[in-house]
Amino acid sequence: MKKILALLLSLFLVLGFSACGEPKGWYTEGEIKITERQAEKIIDGEFTEPENIIVIIGDGMGPNDITLAEKNVEGVYDFGLVLNKIKNHGLATTHSADNEITDSAASGTALSTGVKTNNGYIGKDTEGNDLKNMAEIAREAGKKIGIITDEDLSGATPTAFVVHNISRSNTAELVNSMIKFKPDVLMCKDYMGVYAPLDSEARKIFDSEYLVAKDFKRFKETLDTDPDSEKPFLGFLEGFSTMPSNNLAQCTEVALKRLKNDNGFFLMIESSGTDKFGHKNNMSGKLNSVVTLDRTIVAVLKFMKNNPETILVITSDHETGGVRLPEGDEDLKDLLTLTEHTATPVRVFAVGKGTEYFSGKTVDNTDIAKFLIKAIKGE
């Protein structure tokens, strides 16, 4: 049944995009496909010293989300989640500097800088001083920078990897800072949510320096005007969905092509549905978002097949929802016990040279950042 439904979903997506007038295959060959053997061969491959560093964050994704999604959600590959084929995996603690239960700002800052901070702080230490983040470190190393989220550009996770602010609530300031930093690839949802709050300086940069695609259907025609990737690209993708989606994976494929660079790149990808649907008490949406993330992982693994100088780390900023495993035949919707964050340790999965560091360990989220920062610096 899962295979039949997955095939129908794939056909629907391909026909849907064809109806919109998009040339078939410019971003991917229909659904993001991979066999168990192909996945294992890539994961077990020979990797070289990393030049490309990729972080995928399932916002609010706890260990039980992964377990339940693999067993209960349509659209999972017939062999299960690709995520669970990754052999180098462990756990990470997520507490912030001032609370056992973190928010996304503090955890995003810890994952980007290797330093704990207070809830609500973006790229700042507990005293309010700027912390150097991964985007800044990557730029110093001559790498290209990509940031992708299926949420707002002002979200705590993407901004924590790029800019600095004393409060995640200062959304207009965060959007302006993100635009002024000019990552080489920037993707998020909601065009007007970005354009409307821009000050005169940021608006001038947006209008004159960025290559802008106002929605996913316009990506190809926009990208074709700059085949040599000379301009920073700002694309507006589809937001998180209640159903498994290929859009984040397709956008990742676009980013990976555009970020190719002699000095490598740093790319952060956030899949936010596991958090948003946890807050909304929507278990189905939460688990389907795990599948969206899993398809994004496949897009990266396919890139790694021919680019062994790449490290991939997948983790979460925190768990949302207090999701528990069932006893007997309990309905899935009854397993989401809260609509807030918890202190539950999250999973860490890693592929690439040196990533056995995470195998079988419980680390702190700051340790993930320290590992990746060393890779970015070539240490």
Protein backbone atom coordinates (compact mmCIF):
# COMPACT_ATOMS: atom_id res chain seq x y z
CA MET A 1 0.00 0.00 0.00
CA LYS A 2 2.81 2.44 0.90
CA LYS A 3 4.50 1.84 -2.47
CA ILE A 4 1.23 2.42 -4.36
CA LEU A 5 0.45 5.62 -2.45
CA ALA A 6 4.02 6.86 -2.88
CA LEU A 7 3.77 6.21 -6.65
CA LEU A 8 0.46 8.08 -6.85
CA LEU A 9 1.91 10.98 -4.85
CA SER A 10 4.91 11.11 -7.18
CA LEU A 11 2.65 11.13 -10.25
CA PHE A 12 0.50 13.87 -8.72
CA LEU A 13 3.55 16.05 -8.01
CA VAL A 14 5.01 15.61 -11.48
CA LEU A 15 1.68 16.36 -13.17
CA GLY A 16 1.11 19.28 -10.83
CA PHE A 17 4.39 20.93 -11.72
CA SER A 18 3.87 20.19 -15.43
CA ALA A 19 0.51 21.92 -15.23
CA CYS A 20 2.28 24.98 -13.87
CA GLY A 21 4.40 25.05 -17.02
CA GLU A 22 7.69 23.98 -15.42
CA PRO A 23 10.07 21.97 -17.62
CA LYS A 24 10.10 18.44 -16.23
CA GLY A 25 13.38 17.47 -14.64
CA TRP A 26 15.10 20.83 -14.23
CA TYR A 27 15.22 20.39 -10.47
CA THR A 28 14.80 16.63 -10.04
CA GLU A 29 13.47 13.57 -11.79
CA GLY A 30 10.03 13.58 -10.22
CA GLU A 31 10.11 12.25 -6.68
CA ILE A 32 13.35 12.22 -4.69
CA LYS A 33 14.18 8.55 -5.27
CA ILE A 34 16.82 6.26 -3.81
CA THR A 35 17.12 2.55 -3.18
CA GLU A 36 18.33 1.00 0.05
CA ARG A 37 21.48 -0.23 -1.65
CA GLN A 38 22.22 3.18 -3.14
CA ALA A 39 21.76 4.90 0.22
CA GLU A 40 24.00 2.44 2.04
CA LYS A 41 26.69 2.67 -0.64
CA ILE A 42 26.87 6.43 -0.32
CA ILE A 43 26.79 6.39 3.48
CA ASP A 44 29.54 3.74 3.60
CA GLY A 45 31.65 5.48 0.96
CA GLU A 46 35.18 6.81 1.21
CA PHE A 47 35.14 10.46 2.21
CA THR A 48 37.96 13.00 1.97
CA GLU A 49 38.89 16.06 4.00
CA PRO A 50 35.77 18.22 4.10
CA GLU A 51 35.40 21.38 2.07
CA ASN A 52 31.60 21.42 2.08
CA ILE A 53 29.75 21.47 5.40
CA ILE A 54 26.01 20.82 5.44
CA VAL A 55 23.75 20.97 8.51
CA ILE A 56 20.12 19.86 8.38
CA ILE A 57 17.97 20.80 11.37
CA GLY A 58 14.60 19.24 12.03
CA ASP A 59 13.15 21.95 14.25
CA GLY A 60 11.38 20.32 17.19
CA MET A 61 12.15 16.78 15.95
CA GLY A 62 12.50 14.35 18.83
CA PRO A 63 13.65 10.71 18.77
CA ASN A 64 10.10 9.38 18.96
CA ASP A 65 9.07 11.46 15.93
CA ILE A 66 11.59 9.49 13.87
CA THR A 67 10.48 6.11 15.25
CA LEU A 68 6.79 6.81 14.69
CA ALA A 69 7.23 8.33 11.24
CA GLU A 70 9.07 5.29 9.93
CA LYS A 71 6.33 2.92 11.11
CA ASN A 72 3.17 4.91 10.52
CA VAL A 73 3.46 7.51 7.74
CA GLU A 74 2.77 6.95 4.05
CA GLY A 75 5.50 8.19 1.72
CA VAL A 76 8.37 6.57 3.64
CA TYR A 77 10.67 4.51 1.38
CA ASP A 78 9.87 0.79 1.32
CA PHE A 79 13.02 0.14 3.39
CA GLY A 80 12.17 2.86 5.91
CA LEU A 81 13.70 6.26 6.52
CA VAL A 82 17.07 6.96 4.94
CA LEU A 83 17.88 8.75 8.19
CA ASN A 84 17.94 5.41 9.99
CA LYS A 85 20.48 3.98 7.54
CA ILE A 86 23.12 6.42 8.80
CA LYS A 87 25.53 4.48 11.03
CA ASN A 88 27.26 7.36 12.79
CA HIS A 89 24.58 8.55 15.19
CA GLY A 90 24.12 9.52 18.81
CA LEU A 91 22.24 11.95 21.04
CA ALA A 92 22.62 15.61 21.98
CA THR A 93 21.48 17.61 24.99
CA THR A 94 19.85 20.96 24.27
CA HIS A 95 19.47 23.06 27.46
CA SER A 96 20.14 26.79 27.23
CA ALA A 97 22.29 28.86 29.57
CA ASP A 98 19.33 30.01 31.63
CA ASN A 99 16.80 27.20 31.29
CA GLU A 100 16.69 23.42 31.21
CA ILE A 101 14.27 23.76 28.29
CA THR A 102 15.69 25.74 25.40
CA ASP A 103 13.98 27.83 22.78
CA SER A 104 15.06 27.85 19.13
CA ALA A 105 17.07 31.06 19.51
CA ALA A 106 19.36 29.74 22.24
CA SER A 107 19.67 26.31 20.68
CA GLY A 108 20.28 27.77 17.21
CA THR A 109 23.00 29.97 18.68
CA ALA A 110 24.59 26.98 20.44
CA LEU A 111 24.51 24.95 17.20
CA SER A 112 26.03 27.81 15.22
CA THR A 113 28.65 29.15 17.61
CA GLY A 114 29.45 26.40 20.12
CA VAL A 115 28.47 28.65 23.04
CA LYS A 116 25.45 28.44 25.33
CA THR A 117 23.27 31.52 25.66
CA ASN A 118 19.96 32.64 27.14
CA ASN A 119 16.60 31.85 25.64
CA GLY A 120 15.61 34.51 23.13
CA TYR A 121 19.17 35.58 22.24
CA ILE A 122 20.32 35.36 18.62
CA GLY A 123 24.08 35.01 18.11
CA LYS A 124 24.85 36.71 21.44
CA ASP A 125 26.42 35.39 24.62
CA THR A 126 24.72 35.72 28.01
CA GLU A 127 26.21 39.21 28.42
CA GLY A 128 24.87 40.40 25.08
CA ASN A 129 28.18 40.27 23.21
CA ASP A 130 28.27 39.06 19.59
CA LEU A 131 29.41 35.47 19.05
CA LYS A 132 31.08 34.52 15.78
CA ASN A 133 28.73 32.17 13.92
CA MET A 134 29.22 29.59 11.19
CA ALA A 135 28.27 31.87 8.32
CA GLU A 136 30.86 34.41 9.42
CA ILE A 137 33.52 31.73 9.92
CA ALA A 138 32.72 30.23 6.51
CA ARG A 139 33.01 33.62 4.82
CA GLU A 140 36.42 34.15 6.42
CA ALA A 141 37.45 30.76 5.02
CA GLY A 142 36.45 31.82 1.50
CA LYS A 143 33.45 29.52 1.34
CA LYS A 144 30.08 30.22 -0.18
CA ILE A 145 27.15 30.34 2.23
CA GLY A 146 23.64 28.98 1.88
CA ILE A 147 20.68 29.25 4.26
CA ILE A 148 17.40 27.46 3.53
CA THR A 149 14.29 27.35 5.69
CA ASP A 150 10.67 26.50 4.93
CA GLU A 151 9.67 29.10 7.51
CA ASP A 152 10.05 32.89 7.80
CA LEU A 153 13.46 34.44 7.18
CA SER A 154 13.24 36.05 10.63
CA GLY A 155 12.97 32.64 12.32
CA ALA A 156 15.27 31.90 15.23
CA THR A 157 17.08 29.00 13.57
CA PRO A 158 18.20 30.60 10.28
CA THR A 159 19.03 33.94 11.88
CA ALA A 160 21.13 32.30 14.62
CA PHE A 161 23.49 30.99 11.93
CA VAL A 162 24.04 34.40 10.33
CA VAL A 163 23.33 37.49 12.45
CA HIS A 164 23.15 38.88 15.99
CA ASN A 165 20.31 40.33 18.03
CA ILE A 166 19.41 40.51 21.69
CA SER A 167 15.88 39.29 20.98
CA ARG A 168 14.33 36.89 18.53
CA SER A 169 11.24 39.10 18.69
CA ASN A 170 13.01 41.90 16.79
CA THR A 171 11.87 40.39 13.51
CA ALA A 172 12.30 43.47 11.31
CA GLU A 173 15.88 43.95 12.54
CA LEU A 174 16.62 40.28 11.91
CA VAL A 175 15.27 40.37 8.34
CA ASN A 176 17.30 43.50 7.56
CA SER A 177 20.46 41.96 8.98
CA MET A 178 19.97 38.76 6.97
CA ILE A 179 19.55 40.65 3.70
CA LYS A 180 22.56 42.87 4.40
CA PHE A 181 24.78 39.84 5.13
CA LYS A 182 24.05 38.57 1.60
CA PRO A 183 24.44 34.78 1.77
CA ASP A 184 25.17 33.34 -1.67
CA VAL A 185 21.94 31.34 -1.49
CA LEU A 186 19.02 32.34 0.69
CA MET A 187 15.64 30.60 0.58
CA CYS A 188 12.59 31.05 2.78
CA LYS A 189 8.84 31.47 2.51
CA ASP A 190 6.75 34.67 2.25
CA TYR A 191 8.07 37.31 -0.17
CA MET A 192 6.21 40.20 1.46
CA GLY A 193 7.30 39.07 4.92
CA VAL A 194 10.85 39.80 3.78
CA TYR A 195 10.33 42.83 1.56
CA ALA A 196 7.89 44.84 3.67
CA PRO A 197 10.12 45.39 6.76
CA LEU A 198 13.27 46.32 4.83
CA ASP A 199 14.88 49.67 5.60
CA SER A 200 16.18 51.84 2.76
CA GLU A 201 19.68 50.32 2.77
CA ALA A 202 18.44 46.73 2.80
CA ARG A 203 15.78 47.47 0.17
CA LYS A 204 18.41 48.91 -2.14
CA ILE A 205 20.51 45.75 -1.71
CA PHE A 206 17.46 43.56 -2.26
CA ASP A 207 16.45 45.41 -5.44
CA SER A 208 19.86 45.87 -7.03
CA GLU A 209 22.12 43.05 -5.84
CA TYR A 210 19.97 39.96 -5.34
CA LEU A 211 18.68 37.58 -7.97
CA VAL A 212 15.10 37.13 -6.70
CA ALA A 213 12.55 34.40 -7.48
CA LYS A 214 9.25 35.33 -5.85
CA ASP A 215 8.01 31.74 -5.78
CA PHE A 216 9.29 28.26 -6.62
CA LYS A 217 7.64 28.22 -10.05
CA ARG A 218 9.89 31.12 -11.05
CA PHE A 219 13.16 29.55 -9.91
CA LYS A 220 14.24 28.25 -13.31
CA GLU A 221 13.57 31.39 -15.34
CA THR A 222 15.30 33.47 -12.66
CA LEU A 223 18.34 31.22 -12.30
CA ASP A 224 18.76 31.03 -16.09
CA THR A 225 19.53 34.76 -16.13
CA ASP A 226 22.64 34.17 -13.99
CA PRO A 227 24.12 30.79 -15.01
CA ASP A 228 27.54 31.61 -13.55
CA SER A 229 26.13 32.27 -10.06
CA GLU A 230 27.56 35.77 -9.91
CA LYS A 231 24.71 37.23 -7.83
CA PRO A 232 23.41 36.11 -4.46
CA PHE A 233 20.16 34.20 -5.03
CA LEU A 234 17.05 34.80 -2.92
CA GLY A 235 14.27 32.31 -3.61
CA PHE A 236 10.88 32.00 -2.00
CA LEU A 237 9.83 28.41 -1.60
CA GLU A 238 6.66 26.67 -0.47
CA GLY A 239 6.25 26.69 3.30
CA PHE A 240 6.03 23.65 5.54
CA SER A 241 3.15 21.36 4.71
CA THR A 242 0.83 18.95 6.51
CA MET A 243 1.79 16.31 3.93
CA PRO A 244 5.23 14.99 2.94
CA SER A 245 6.78 17.45 0.50
CA ASN A 246 9.59 17.34 -2.05
CA ASN A 247 9.95 21.11 -2.16
CA LEU A 248 12.67 21.45 0.48
CA ALA A 249 14.67 18.69 -1.21
CA GLN A 250 14.24 20.33 -4.62
CA CYS A 251 15.39 23.67 -3.25
CA THR A 252 18.37 21.92 -1.68
CA GLU A 253 19.32 20.51 -5.08
CA VAL A 254 19.21 24.02 -6.54
CA ALA A 255 21.37 25.34 -3.70
CA LEU A 256 23.96 22.58 -4.03
CA LYS A 257 24.44 23.40 -7.72
CA ARG A 258 24.70 27.12 -7.07
CA LEU A 259 27.09 26.85 -4.13
CA LYS A 260 29.76 24.81 -5.93
CA ASN A 261 33.01 26.61 -5.29
CA ASP A 262 36.76 25.88 -5.25
CA ASN A 263 36.87 26.65 -1.52
CA GLY A 264 33.69 24.74 -0.73
CA PHE A 265 30.60 25.99 1.04
CA PHE A 266 28.56 26.00 4.22
CA LEU A 267 24.84 25.20 3.95
CA MET A 268 22.22 25.16 6.71
CA ILE A 269 18.79 23.70 5.96
CA GLU A 270 15.86 23.92 8.36
CA SER A 271 12.75 21.77 8.11
CA SER A 272 10.35 23.45 10.50
CA GLY A 273 7.17 21.37 10.37
CA THR A 274 8.21 19.03 13.17
CA ASP A 275 8.11 22.03 15.49
CA LYS A 276 5.19 23.98 14.04
CA PHE A 277 2.82 21.01 14.02
CA GLY A 278 3.97 20.01 17.49
CA HIS A 279 2.86 23.42 18.76
CA LYS A 280 -0.42 23.00 16.87
CA ASN A 281 -1.09 19.54 18.38
CA ASN A 282 -1.08 18.07 14.86
CA MET A 283 0.65 14.70 15.09
CA SER A 284 0.04 13.79 11.45
CA GLY A 285 1.66 16.99 10.22
CA LYS A 286 4.56 16.52 12.60
CA LEU A 287 5.34 13.00 11.40
CA ASN A 288 4.86 13.89 7.74
CA SER A 289 7.44 16.61 8.26
CA VAL A 290 9.97 13.92 9.20
CA VAL A 291 9.44 12.49 5.70
CA THR A 292 10.00 15.95 4.18
CA LEU A 293 13.31 16.14 6.06
CA ASP A 294 14.23 12.59 5.01
CA ARG A 295 13.79 13.44 1.32
CA THR A 296 16.03 16.46 1.83
CA ILE A 297 18.69 14.15 3.26
CA VAL A 298 18.45 12.04 0.10
CA ALA A 299 19.11 15.12 -2.05
CA VAL A 300 22.28 15.77 -0.05
CA LEU A 301 23.44 12.14 -0.11
CA LYS A 302 23.12 12.09 -3.90
CA PHE A 303 25.34 15.16 -4.00
CA MET A 304 27.84 13.46 -1.68
CA LYS A 305 28.10 10.47 -4.02
CA ASN A 306 30.16 12.60 -6.41
CA ASN A 307 31.47 15.07 -3.84
CA PRO A 308 33.18 13.06 -1.08
CA GLU A 309 34.75 16.24 0.33
CA THR A 310 31.48 16.88 2.15
CA ILE A 311 30.26 16.48 5.75
CA LEU A 312 26.57 16.15 6.55
CA VAL A 313 25.18 16.47 10.07
CA ILE A 314 21.47 16.10 10.84
CA THR A 315 20.06 17.04 14.22
CA SER A 316 17.35 19.03 15.98
CA ASP A 317 17.40 22.16 18.08
CA HIS A 318 15.05 20.63 20.67
CA GLU A 319 12.08 18.28 21.01
CA THR A 320 8.56 19.70 20.73
CA GLY A 321 5.43 18.02 22.00
CA GLY A 322 6.60 15.46 24.53
CA VAL A 323 5.89 12.74 21.99
CA ARG A 324 5.74 9.27 23.54
CA LEU A 325 5.62 5.80 22.01
CA PRO A 326 2.29 3.95 21.99
CA GLU A 327 1.09 1.32 24.38
CA GLY A 328 -1.03 -1.14 22.44
CA ASP A 329 -3.28 0.32 19.73
CA GLU A 330 -3.30 3.94 20.86
CA ASP A 331 -4.22 6.54 18.29
CA LEU A 332 -1.22 8.51 17.06
CA LYS A 333 -2.82 11.84 17.95
CA ASP A 334 -2.83 10.83 21.62
CA LEU A 335 0.95 10.43 21.66
CA LEU A 336 1.64 14.17 21.43
CA THR A 337 1.32 15.01 25.13
CA LEU A 338 2.27 18.73 25.11
CA THR A 339 2.32 21.67 22.73
CA GLU A 340 5.59 23.10 24.08
CA HIS A 341 9.30 22.26 24.00
CA THR A 342 10.84 19.66 26.29
CA ALA A 343 14.34 18.88 27.57
CA THR A 344 14.41 15.49 25.81
CA PRO A 345 17.81 14.84 24.16
CA VAL A 346 17.63 14.84 20.36
CA ARG A 347 19.20 12.59 17.76
CA VAL A 348 22.40 13.38 15.84
CA PHE A 349 23.24 11.66 12.54
CA ALA A 350 26.41 12.29 10.54
CA VAL A 351 28.03 11.25 7.27
CA GLY A 352 31.52 12.11 6.09
CA LYS A 353 35.13 12.02 7.18
CA GLY A 354 35.55 12.06 10.95
CA THR A 355 31.85 11.76 11.75
CA GLU A 356 32.37 8.56 13.72
CA TYR A 357 32.94 11.10 16.51
CA PHE A 358 29.17 11.05 17.06
CA SER A 359 28.72 7.29 16.99
CA GLY A 360 27.12 5.96 20.17
CA LYS A 361 27.78 9.15 22.13
CA THR A 362 25.68 11.68 23.98
CA VAL A 363 27.15 15.10 23.27
CA ASP A 364 25.94 18.63 23.90
CA ASN A 365 24.62 20.76 21.05
CA THR A 366 27.66 23.01 21.49
CA ASP A 367 29.88 20.00 20.72
CA ILE A 368 28.16 19.63 17.34
CA ALA A 369 29.04 23.26 16.55
CA LYS A 370 32.64 22.86 17.67
CA PHE A 371 33.03 19.80 15.43
CA LEU A 372 31.61 21.63 12.42
CA ILE A 373 33.54 24.84 13.03
CA LYS A 374 36.79 22.87 12.98
CA ALA A 375 35.72 21.37 9.65
CA ILE A 376 34.88 24.81 8.23
CA LYS A 377 38.30 26.11 9.30
CA GLY A 378 40.05 23.01 7.93
CA GLU A 379 41.49 22.10 11.31
